[in-house]
Every structure is written in structure tokens, then in C-alpha cells.
Amino acid sequence: MANISITKMSSKGQVVIPQDMREGISEGEKLIVIKNGKQIILKKMDDFDENLEEDLEFAKRTEEAWRAYDRGEFISMDADDFIKEMKKW
């Protein structure tokens, strides 16, 4: 499961990366910002070429999943039922 934190943008366009998300990022390290539709991807510059297509595909699928969720296309179930359903795959 992905880690999730909340931050906000200042009037100067600055965004603070929450402390629990900064692991592996050093002060002064350059980051790439990629906007893909409504998705914003933040990637270390050193890792830019690595897995870029996968990152964009993940962003696309995430956006599609949110649209499906907004349309009410998701099914809610408890954990035990979810595991039973997964075992069918």
C-alpha cells in the first residue's frame, strides 16, 4: 500500500514534503516534477530515467481508478471477503 500524507502549497507555490515522506531525499537534492493530467509525480533527478514509463502508467491507472470510484463503480467488502475473492484469481 502506498504511503499517504497531506501538505499544502504556499502563496509562493512552495510545497513542503512531509517529514515521513522525505526518507532517501537529501537537502539540496534535485527533484523532477511531472504533471500528467490531474496527477503530479515527484521523482528524484538521479532516478529520472529509471522506470519513467512505469511511473506514468501508474499515474494513468490511478487517475482511471479515481474516475471509476467517483462514478460509484467500486465494490465495498470486508477483508475476509476480499481475500476469498483474490484467491479465485
Protein backbone atom coordinates (compact mmCIF):
# COMPACT_ATOMS: atom_id res chain seq x y z
CA MET A 1 0.00 0.00 0.00
CA ALA A 2 1.26 3.49 -0.80
CA ASN A 3 2.10 5.93 1.98
CA ILE A 4 -0.15 8.99 2.02
CA SER A 5 0.42 12.37 3.66
CA ILE A 6 -1.20 15.77 3.30
CA THR A 7 0.59 19.03 2.54
CA LYS A 8 -0.41 22.36 1.03
CA MET A 9 1.02 24.90 -1.38
CA SER A 10 2.06 28.34 -0.14
CA SER A 11 1.18 31.60 -1.88
CA LYS A 12 4.64 31.43 -3.48
CA GLY A 13 3.99 27.97 -4.94
CA GLN A 14 6.16 26.17 -2.39
CA VAL A 15 5.16 22.70 -1.21
CA VAL A 16 6.65 21.04 1.86
CA ILE A 17 7.32 17.31 1.58
CA PRO A 18 6.04 15.83 4.86
CA GLN A 19 8.82 14.51 7.08
CA ASP A 20 7.58 10.91 6.89
CA MET A 21 7.95 11.08 3.08
CA ARG A 22 11.49 12.52 2.98
CA GLU A 23 13.38 9.29 3.63
CA GLY A 24 16.07 8.88 0.99
CA ILE A 25 15.89 12.53 -0.13
CA SER A 26 18.80 14.75 0.93
CA GLU A 27 18.75 18.51 1.43
CA GLY A 28 19.55 20.24 -1.85
CA GLU A 29 18.80 17.15 -3.95
CA LYS A 30 17.15 17.97 -7.27
CA LEU A 31 13.67 16.62 -7.91
CA ILE A 32 11.72 16.33 -11.16
CA VAL A 33 8.04 17.35 -11.15
CA ILE A 34 5.88 15.68 -13.80
CA LYS A 35 2.28 16.71 -14.38
CA ASN A 36 0.17 14.05 -16.06
CA GLY A 37 -3.46 15.14 -16.23
CA LYS A 38 -4.51 15.69 -12.64
CA GLN A 39 -1.58 13.64 -11.30
CA ILE A 40 1.65 15.21 -10.07
CA ILE A 41 4.66 12.91 -9.86
CA LEU A 42 7.71 13.91 -7.84
CA LYS A 43 10.83 11.92 -8.70
CA LYS A 44 14.47 12.20 -7.70
CA MET A 45 16.51 13.54 -10.61
CA ASP A 46 19.03 10.70 -10.22
CA ASP A 47 16.19 8.22 -10.81
CA PHE A 48 14.56 10.17 -13.65
CA ASP A 49 15.34 7.75 -16.46
CA GLU A 50 14.64 4.69 -14.33
CA ASN A 51 11.04 3.48 -14.56
CA LEU A 52 9.64 6.73 -16.03
CA GLU A 53 7.22 4.83 -18.26
CA GLU A 54 6.07 2.77 -15.26
CA ASP A 55 5.52 5.95 -13.23
CA LEU A 56 3.41 7.50 -15.98
CA GLU A 57 1.43 4.27 -16.42
CA PHE A 58 0.83 4.16 -12.65
CA ALA A 59 -0.39 7.77 -12.72
CA LYS A 60 -2.72 6.99 -15.63
CA ARG A 61 -4.18 3.92 -13.90
CA THR A 62 -4.59 5.81 -10.63
CA GLU A 63 -6.49 8.59 -12.42
CA GLU A 64 -8.72 6.00 -14.13
CA ALA A 65 -9.37 4.29 -10.79
CA TRP A 66 -10.41 7.60 -9.17
CA ARG A 67 -12.80 8.31 -12.05
CA ALA A 68 -14.34 4.85 -11.65
CA TYR A 69 -14.63 5.43 -7.90
CA ASP A 70 -16.34 8.78 -8.48
CA ARG A 71 -18.83 7.02 -10.79
CA GLY A 72 -19.61 4.52 -8.00
CA GLU A 73 -18.11 1.55 -9.82
CA PHE A 74 -16.21 0.14 -6.83
CA ILE A 75 -17.49 -2.65 -4.62
CA SER A 76 -17.02 -2.41 -0.87
CA MET A 77 -16.29 -5.61 1.07
CA ASP A 78 -14.64 -6.62 4.31
CA ALA A 79 -11.10 -8.01 4.41
CA ASP A 80 -12.11 -11.69 4.64
CA ASP A 81 -14.37 -11.44 1.59
CA PHE A 82 -11.65 -9.57 -0.28
CA ILE A 83 -9.11 -12.34 0.41
CA LYS A 84 -11.61 -15.01 -0.70
CA GLU A 85 -12.18 -13.05 -3.92
CA MET A 86 -8.44 -12.72 -4.55
CA LYS A 87 -7.93 -16.48 -4.11
CA LYS A 88 -10.28 -17.00 -7.05
CA TRP A 89 -7.81 -15.21 -9.33
